[in-house]
Amino acid sequence: MIRKGRFALKNSKEYELISYHRQYYLKSNNILDLENGFIAFRGNKNEFIKKICLTDLDDAYEVFPYAILKSYRFSVEATNVSTGMVTLVTSNPFVQKQIDVRPYRIGEYIIELPFREVIIQEERIPILGFENIPSMPFGQIRIL
């Protein structure tokens, strides 16, 4: 699974972190979290949220998935499970000389590759006051 966005740790368990009107919520897909104070999210039976204070969290960070192709870093723009493809984007103009990329938005280049040809890694950037607290190391994901 390729993750992108904000996440938080509470009691050593990772949740997606969402905010709305300056209030923070943990988001879960685990029905067992209903026993821990979560409620159905917008009436959805498969998504649950819990209002939290930042002081209740063990850690908070933003996850940025990326891949390295021929020494160039690309951001993961999108994934398509049905086609088995991952779309990568970079703003490095020198990549055109080494990799068969297409122009994308202004100053950006795009390439689409099968999952099996790419090793997706993730970078975790601490957020919301957790910048000076040692965080879990970023990981490497292999999609098969």
N, C-alpha and C. Protein backbone atom coordinates (compact mmCIF):
# COMPACT_ATOMS: atom_id res chain seq x y z
N MET A 1 0.83 -1.17 0.00
CA MET A 1 0.00 0.00 0.00
C MET A 1 0.89 1.25 0.00
N ILE A 2 0.60 2.16 -0.87
CA ILE A 2 1.36 3.41 -0.93
C ILE A 2 0.57 4.46 -0.16
N ARG A 3 1.24 5.04 0.83
CA ARG A 3 0.60 6.05 1.67
C ARG A 3 1.08 7.43 1.29
N LYS A 4 0.17 8.40 1.45
CA LYS A 4 0.51 9.80 1.19
C LYS A 4 -0.41 10.64 2.05
N GLY A 5 0.15 11.60 2.76
CA GLY A 5 -0.67 12.46 3.58
C GLY A 5 -0.17 12.54 5.01
N ARG A 6 -1.05 12.98 5.91
CA ARG A 6 -0.67 13.17 7.30
C ARG A 6 -1.11 11.98 8.15
N PHE A 7 -0.23 11.59 9.07
CA PHE A 7 -0.48 10.45 9.94
C PHE A 7 -0.05 10.79 11.36
N ALA A 8 -0.59 10.05 12.32
CA ALA A 8 -0.24 10.27 13.72
C ALA A 8 -0.15 8.92 14.43
N LEU A 9 0.69 8.89 15.47
CA LEU A 9 0.78 7.73 16.34
C LEU A 9 0.12 8.07 17.67
N LYS A 10 -0.73 7.16 18.12
CA LYS A 10 -1.34 7.28 19.44
C LYS A 10 -1.33 5.89 20.05
N ASN A 11 -0.72 5.77 21.21
CA ASN A 11 -0.59 4.47 21.87
C ASN A 11 0.04 3.43 20.94
N SER A 12 1.07 3.84 20.22
CA SER A 12 1.85 2.99 19.31
C SER A 12 1.05 2.49 18.11
N LYS A 13 -0.10 3.06 17.83
CA LYS A 13 -0.90 2.68 16.68
C LYS A 13 -0.98 3.86 15.72
N GLU A 14 -0.81 3.58 14.44
CA GLU A 14 -0.82 4.64 13.43
C GLU A 14 -2.22 4.86 12.87
N TYR A 15 -2.58 6.15 12.74
CA TYR A 15 -3.86 6.55 12.16
C TYR A 15 -3.61 7.65 11.14
N GLU A 16 -4.53 7.78 10.20
CA GLU A 16 -4.52 8.95 9.33
C GLU A 16 -4.95 10.13 10.19
N LEU A 17 -4.34 11.28 9.96
CA LEU A 17 -4.65 12.49 10.73
C LEU A 17 -5.36 13.47 9.81
N ILE A 18 -6.56 13.89 10.19
CA ILE A 18 -7.29 14.86 9.39
C ILE A 18 -7.64 16.06 10.27
N SER A 19 -7.86 17.19 9.63
CA SER A 19 -8.24 18.39 10.37
C SER A 19 -9.41 19.06 9.68
N TYR A 20 -10.22 19.71 10.50
CA TYR A 20 -11.38 20.42 10.00
C TYR A 20 -11.68 21.54 10.97
N HIS A 21 -11.69 22.78 10.51
CA HIS A 21 -11.94 23.96 11.35
C HIS A 21 -11.02 23.98 12.57
N ARG A 22 -9.74 23.78 12.33
CA ARG A 22 -8.70 23.83 13.37
C ARG A 22 -8.86 22.77 14.46
N GLN A 23 -9.61 21.74 14.17
CA GLN A 23 -9.76 20.62 15.09
C GLN A 23 -9.16 19.38 14.42
N TYR A 24 -8.49 18.54 15.20
CA TYR A 24 -7.84 17.36 14.64
C TYR A 24 -8.60 16.09 14.99
N TYR A 25 -8.55 15.14 14.04
CA TYR A 25 -9.24 13.87 14.19
C TYR A 25 -8.32 12.75 13.74
N LEU A 26 -8.44 11.61 14.40
CA LEU A 26 -7.79 10.39 13.94
C LEU A 26 -8.81 9.67 13.08
N LYS A 27 -8.36 9.08 11.99
CA LYS A 27 -9.26 8.36 11.09
C LYS A 27 -8.82 6.91 11.03
N SER A 28 -9.79 6.01 11.09
CA SER A 28 -9.50 4.59 11.10
C SER A 28 -10.48 3.84 10.20
N ASN A 29 -10.06 2.69 9.72
CA ASN A 29 -10.93 1.79 8.96
C ASN A 29 -11.23 0.52 9.76
N ASN A 30 -10.78 0.49 11.01
CA ASN A 30 -10.93 -0.69 11.86
C ASN A 30 -12.17 -0.52 12.74
N ILE A 31 -13.15 -1.38 12.56
CA ILE A 31 -14.40 -1.29 13.32
C ILE A 31 -14.16 -1.47 14.82
N LEU A 32 -13.09 -2.14 15.19
CA LEU A 32 -12.78 -2.33 16.61
C LEU A 32 -12.45 -1.01 17.30
N ASP A 33 -12.08 0.00 16.55
CA ASP A 33 -11.79 1.31 17.13
C ASP A 33 -13.04 2.00 17.67
N LEU A 34 -14.22 1.50 17.32
CA LEU A 34 -15.45 2.04 17.90
C LEU A 34 -15.43 1.88 19.42
N GLU A 35 -14.75 0.84 19.90
CA GLU A 35 -14.64 0.61 21.34
C GLU A 35 -13.70 1.62 22.01
N ASN A 36 -12.91 2.34 21.21
CA ASN A 36 -11.95 3.31 21.73
C ASN A 36 -12.41 4.76 21.51
N GLY A 37 -13.70 4.97 21.36
CA GLY A 37 -14.22 6.32 21.24
C GLY A 37 -14.38 6.85 19.83
N PHE A 38 -14.12 6.04 18.83
CA PHE A 38 -14.31 6.47 17.44
C PHE A 38 -15.80 6.42 17.10
N ILE A 39 -16.20 7.24 16.14
CA ILE A 39 -17.58 7.24 15.64
C ILE A 39 -17.55 7.12 14.12
N ALA A 40 -18.69 6.73 13.55
CA ALA A 40 -18.78 6.61 12.09
C ALA A 40 -18.52 7.97 11.46
N PHE A 41 -17.74 7.98 10.38
CA PHE A 41 -17.37 9.20 9.68
C PHE A 41 -18.38 9.45 8.57
N ARG A 42 -19.16 10.52 8.72
CA ARG A 42 -20.17 10.92 7.72
C ARG A 42 -21.12 9.77 7.38
N GLY A 43 -21.47 8.98 8.37
CA GLY A 43 -22.41 7.89 8.17
C GLY A 43 -21.83 6.67 7.47
N ASN A 44 -20.55 6.70 7.19
CA ASN A 44 -19.89 5.59 6.50
C ASN A 44 -19.64 4.45 7.50
N LYS A 45 -19.98 3.24 7.12
CA LYS A 45 -19.83 2.08 8.01
C LYS A 45 -18.41 1.51 8.01
N ASN A 46 -17.53 2.06 7.16
CA ASN A 46 -16.16 1.54 7.05
C ASN A 46 -15.10 2.54 7.45
N GLU A 47 -15.49 3.76 7.80
CA GLU A 47 -14.54 4.80 8.20
C GLU A 47 -15.00 5.41 9.52
N PHE A 48 -14.03 5.60 10.42
CA PHE A 48 -14.34 6.07 11.76
C PHE A 48 -13.38 7.18 12.15
N ILE A 49 -13.86 8.15 12.93
CA ILE A 49 -13.00 9.24 13.37
C ILE A 49 -13.14 9.44 14.88
N LYS A 50 -12.11 10.07 15.43
CA LYS A 50 -12.12 10.41 16.84
C LYS A 50 -11.45 11.78 17.00
N LYS A 51 -12.14 12.70 17.65
CA LYS A 51 -11.60 14.03 17.92
C LYS A 51 -10.49 13.89 18.95
N ILE A 52 -9.35 14.55 18.70
CA ILE A 52 -8.21 14.44 19.60
C ILE A 52 -7.56 15.81 19.81
N CYS A 53 -6.74 15.88 20.85
CA CYS A 53 -5.87 17.02 21.09
C CYS A 53 -4.47 16.62 20.65
N LEU A 54 -3.71 17.55 20.13
CA LEU A 54 -2.36 17.23 19.70
C LEU A 54 -1.51 16.69 20.85
N THR A 55 -1.79 17.11 22.07
CA THR A 55 -1.02 16.63 23.22
C THR A 55 -1.29 15.16 23.52
N ASP A 56 -2.35 14.59 22.95
CA ASP A 56 -2.66 13.17 23.13
C ASP A 56 -1.83 12.27 22.22
N LEU A 57 -1.16 12.86 21.24
CA LEU A 57 -0.43 12.08 20.24
C LEU A 57 1.00 11.78 20.67
N ASP A 58 1.50 10.64 20.20
CA ASP A 58 2.90 10.27 20.42
C ASP A 58 3.79 10.87 19.34
N ASP A 59 3.25 11.06 18.14
CA ASP A 59 4.01 11.57 17.01
C ASP A 59 3.03 11.98 15.92
N ALA A 60 3.43 12.90 15.05
CA ALA A 60 2.64 13.31 13.89
C ALA A 60 3.61 13.64 12.76
N TYR A 61 3.28 13.21 11.56
CA TYR A 61 4.18 13.40 10.42
C TYR A 61 3.41 13.34 9.12
N GLU A 62 4.03 13.91 8.10
CA GLU A 62 3.48 13.84 6.75
C GLU A 62 4.33 12.85 5.94
N VAL A 63 3.67 12.01 5.19
CA VAL A 63 4.33 10.99 4.39
C VAL A 63 4.32 11.40 2.92
N PHE A 64 5.51 11.40 2.33
CA PHE A 64 5.67 11.72 0.91
C PHE A 64 6.29 10.51 0.21
N PRO A 65 5.53 9.79 -0.62
CA PRO A 65 6.10 8.66 -1.35
C PRO A 65 6.92 9.15 -2.55
N TYR A 66 8.02 8.45 -2.83
CA TYR A 66 8.86 8.83 -3.96
C TYR A 66 9.60 7.60 -4.49
N ALA A 67 10.20 7.76 -5.64
CA ALA A 67 11.02 6.70 -6.25
C ALA A 67 12.26 7.35 -6.85
N ILE A 68 13.33 6.59 -6.90
CA ILE A 68 14.57 7.05 -7.52
C ILE A 68 14.75 6.28 -8.83
N LEU A 69 14.87 7.01 -9.93
CA LEU A 69 15.12 6.41 -11.24
C LEU A 69 16.39 7.01 -11.80
N LYS A 70 17.38 6.18 -12.05
CA LYS A 70 18.67 6.64 -12.59
C LYS A 70 19.19 7.86 -11.82
N SER A 71 19.16 7.78 -10.52
CA SER A 71 19.65 8.82 -9.60
C SER A 71 18.78 10.08 -9.53
N TYR A 72 17.62 10.07 -10.14
CA TYR A 72 16.71 11.21 -10.08
C TYR A 72 15.53 10.86 -9.19
N ARG A 73 15.15 11.82 -8.34
CA ARG A 73 14.03 11.61 -7.44
C ARG A 73 12.73 12.05 -8.11
N PHE A 74 11.73 11.18 -8.04
CA PHE A 74 10.39 11.43 -8.57
C PHE A 74 9.38 11.30 -7.45
N SER A 75 8.41 12.19 -7.40
CA SER A 75 7.29 12.07 -6.47
C SER A 75 6.26 11.12 -7.06
N VAL A 76 5.59 10.38 -6.20
CA VAL A 76 4.50 9.53 -6.66
C VAL A 76 3.27 10.42 -6.82
N GLU A 77 2.83 10.57 -8.05
CA GLU A 77 1.67 11.42 -8.35
C GLU A 77 0.37 10.63 -8.20
N ALA A 78 0.38 9.38 -8.68
CA ALA A 78 -0.84 8.57 -8.64
C ALA A 78 -0.48 7.11 -8.81
N THR A 79 -1.41 6.26 -8.40
CA THR A 79 -1.28 4.82 -8.62
C THR A 79 -2.60 4.32 -9.19
N ASN A 80 -2.51 3.30 -10.01
CA ASN A 80 -3.70 2.70 -10.59
C ASN A 80 -3.60 1.19 -10.40
N VAL A 81 -4.30 0.69 -9.41
CA VAL A 81 -4.24 -0.73 -9.08
C VAL A 81 -4.76 -1.58 -10.23
N SER A 82 -5.80 -1.13 -10.91
CA SER A 82 -6.39 -1.93 -11.99
C SER A 82 -5.44 -2.12 -13.18
N THR A 83 -4.61 -1.11 -13.47
CA THR A 83 -3.65 -1.25 -14.58
C THR A 83 -2.27 -1.67 -14.09
N GLY A 84 -2.04 -1.60 -12.78
CA GLY A 84 -0.73 -1.95 -12.23
C GLY A 84 0.34 -0.91 -12.51
N MET A 85 -0.08 0.34 -12.71
CA MET A 85 0.87 1.39 -13.06
C MET A 85 0.98 2.42 -11.95
N VAL A 86 2.16 3.05 -11.89
CA VAL A 86 2.41 4.14 -10.97
C VAL A 86 2.87 5.34 -11.80
N THR A 87 2.35 6.52 -11.48
CA THR A 87 2.70 7.74 -12.20
C THR A 87 3.66 8.55 -11.34
N LEU A 88 4.80 8.91 -11.91
CA LEU A 88 5.85 9.63 -11.20
C LEU A 88 6.07 10.99 -11.85
N VAL A 89 6.40 11.99 -11.00
CA VAL A 89 6.60 13.35 -11.49
C VAL A 89 7.87 13.93 -10.88
N THR A 90 8.60 14.73 -11.67
CA THR A 90 9.75 15.46 -11.16
C THR A 90 9.79 16.85 -11.79
N SER A 91 10.49 17.74 -11.12
CA SER A 91 10.67 19.09 -11.69
C SER A 91 12.12 19.30 -12.12
N ASN A 92 12.91 18.23 -12.13
CA ASN A 92 14.31 18.31 -12.52
C ASN A 92 14.42 18.31 -14.05
N PRO A 93 14.86 19.40 -14.66
CA PRO A 93 14.92 19.46 -16.13
C PRO A 93 15.99 18.55 -16.74
N PHE A 94 16.98 18.15 -15.96
CA PHE A 94 18.05 17.31 -16.49
C PHE A 94 17.62 15.86 -16.70
N VAL A 95 16.49 15.48 -16.14
CA VAL A 95 16.00 14.11 -16.25
C VAL A 95 15.68 13.75 -17.71
N GLN A 96 15.33 14.75 -18.52
CA GLN A 96 14.95 14.51 -19.92
C GLN A 96 16.06 13.84 -20.73
N LYS A 97 17.31 14.09 -20.33
CA LYS A 97 18.45 13.53 -21.07
C LYS A 97 18.68 12.06 -20.76
N GLN A 98 18.18 11.58 -19.62
CA GLN A 98 18.46 10.22 -19.17
C GLN A 98 17.25 9.28 -19.20
N ILE A 99 16.05 9.85 -19.08
CA ILE A 99 14.84 9.03 -18.94
C ILE A 99 13.79 9.55 -19.91
N ASP A 100 13.03 8.63 -20.48
CA ASP A 100 11.99 8.98 -21.45
C ASP A 100 10.75 9.50 -20.72
N VAL A 101 10.79 10.78 -20.35
CA VAL A 101 9.68 11.43 -19.66
C VAL A 101 8.92 12.33 -20.63
N ARG A 102 7.69 12.69 -20.25
CA ARG A 102 6.88 13.61 -21.04
C ARG A 102 6.70 14.90 -20.27
N PRO A 103 6.52 16.02 -20.95
CA PRO A 103 6.19 17.26 -20.25
C PRO A 103 4.86 17.08 -19.52
N TYR A 104 4.77 17.72 -18.37
CA TYR A 104 3.55 17.61 -17.56
C TYR A 104 3.03 19.02 -17.34
N ARG A 105 3.04 19.51 -16.14
CA ARG A 105 2.67 20.90 -15.88
C ARG A 105 3.90 21.76 -16.16
N ILE A 106 3.78 23.05 -15.97
CA ILE A 106 4.89 23.97 -16.24
C ILE A 106 6.10 23.56 -15.39
N GLY A 107 7.20 23.24 -16.07
CA GLY A 107 8.44 22.89 -15.40
C GLY A 107 8.47 21.50 -14.78
N GLU A 108 7.53 20.63 -15.13
CA GLU A 108 7.49 19.28 -14.57
C GLU A 108 7.47 18.24 -15.68
N TYR A 109 7.90 17.04 -15.30
CA TYR A 109 7.99 15.92 -16.23
C TYR A 109 7.36 14.70 -15.58
N ILE A 110 6.73 13.88 -16.42
CA ILE A 110 5.96 12.75 -15.92
C ILE A 110 6.36 11.47 -16.64
N ILE A 111 6.25 10.35 -15.91
CA ILE A 111 6.48 9.04 -16.50
C ILE A 111 5.56 8.06 -15.79
N GLU A 112 5.07 7.09 -16.54
CA GLU A 112 4.21 6.05 -15.98
C GLU A 112 4.91 4.71 -16.17
N LEU A 113 5.02 3.95 -15.08
CA LEU A 113 5.73 2.68 -15.11
C LEU A 113 4.93 1.61 -14.37
N PRO A 114 5.16 0.33 -14.71
CA PRO A 114 4.52 -0.74 -13.93
C PRO A 114 5.07 -0.77 -12.50
N PHE A 115 4.22 -1.10 -11.54
CA PHE A 115 4.63 -1.18 -10.13
C PHE A 115 5.89 -2.05 -9.97
N ARG A 116 5.94 -3.14 -10.68
CA ARG A 116 7.04 -4.11 -10.50
C ARG A 116 8.41 -3.55 -10.89
N GLU A 117 8.43 -2.45 -11.64
CA GLU A 117 9.69 -1.85 -12.07
C GLU A 117 10.16 -0.73 -11.14
N VAL A 118 9.40 -0.45 -10.09
CA VAL A 118 9.69 0.72 -9.26
C VAL A 118 9.72 0.31 -7.78
N ILE A 119 10.70 0.83 -7.08
CA ILE A 119 10.73 0.68 -5.63
C ILE A 119 10.28 2.01 -5.05
N ILE A 120 9.13 1.97 -4.39
CA ILE A 120 8.57 3.17 -3.78
C ILE A 120 9.12 3.29 -2.36
N GLN A 121 9.61 4.45 -2.03
CA GLN A 121 10.08 4.74 -0.69
C GLN A 121 9.22 5.87 -0.13
N GLU A 122 9.30 6.06 1.17
CA GLU A 122 8.54 7.16 1.73
C GLU A 122 9.40 7.98 2.66
N GLU A 123 9.19 9.27 2.60
CA GLU A 123 9.87 10.20 3.48
C GLU A 123 8.85 10.69 4.49
N ARG A 124 9.25 10.72 5.76
CA ARG A 124 8.38 11.20 6.82
C ARG A 124 8.93 12.51 7.35
N ILE A 125 8.10 13.54 7.30
CA ILE A 125 8.48 14.85 7.79
C ILE A 125 7.64 15.13 9.04
N PRO A 126 8.27 15.32 10.20
CA PRO A 126 7.51 15.61 11.42
C PRO A 126 6.73 16.92 11.28
N ILE A 127 5.53 16.95 11.86
CA ILE A 127 4.66 18.13 11.79
C ILE A 127 4.04 18.42 13.15
N LEU A 128 3.40 19.56 13.27
CA LEU A 128 2.56 19.94 14.40
C LEU A 128 3.26 19.88 15.75
N GLY A 129 4.51 20.34 15.78
CA GLY A 129 5.24 20.40 17.03
C GLY A 129 6.07 19.17 17.34
N PHE A 130 6.07 18.18 16.48
CA PHE A 130 6.85 16.97 16.69
C PHE A 130 8.19 17.01 15.94
N GLU A 131 8.55 18.19 15.45
CA GLU A 131 9.75 18.33 14.64
C GLU A 131 11.04 17.99 15.39
N ASN A 132 11.10 18.18 16.69
CA ASN A 132 12.32 17.93 17.46
C ASN A 132 12.28 16.62 18.23
N ILE A 133 11.29 15.79 17.95
CA ILE A 133 11.17 14.49 18.61
C ILE A 133 11.60 13.42 17.61
N PRO A 134 12.52 12.51 18.02
CA PRO A 134 12.94 11.46 17.09
C PRO A 134 11.74 10.66 16.60
N SER A 135 11.63 10.54 15.29
CA SER A 135 10.51 9.85 14.67
C SER A 135 10.96 8.50 14.16
N MET A 136 10.00 7.67 13.79
CA MET A 136 10.31 6.38 13.19
C MET A 136 11.01 6.65 11.86
N PRO A 137 11.99 5.84 11.47
CA PRO A 137 12.67 6.06 10.19
C PRO A 137 11.73 5.83 9.01
N PHE A 138 12.04 6.50 7.90
CA PHE A 138 11.20 6.30 6.73
C PHE A 138 11.46 4.90 6.18
N GLY A 139 10.54 4.41 5.39
CA GLY A 139 10.59 3.03 4.95
C GLY A 139 10.69 2.88 3.46
N GLN A 140 10.77 1.65 3.05
CA GLN A 140 10.85 1.30 1.65
C GLN A 140 9.73 0.32 1.38
N ILE A 141 9.04 0.52 0.29
CA ILE A 141 7.89 -0.30 -0.03
C ILE A 141 8.13 -0.96 -1.38
N ARG A 142 7.89 -2.24 -1.46
CA ARG A 142 8.02 -2.95 -2.74
C ARG A 142 6.62 -3.44 -3.10
N ILE A 143 6.08 -2.96 -4.19
CA ILE A 143 4.76 -3.39 -4.66
C ILE A 143 4.97 -4.56 -5.60
N LEU A 144 4.31 -5.66 -5.29
CA LEU A 144 4.44 -6.85 -6.15
C LEU A 144 3.13 -7.14 -6.86
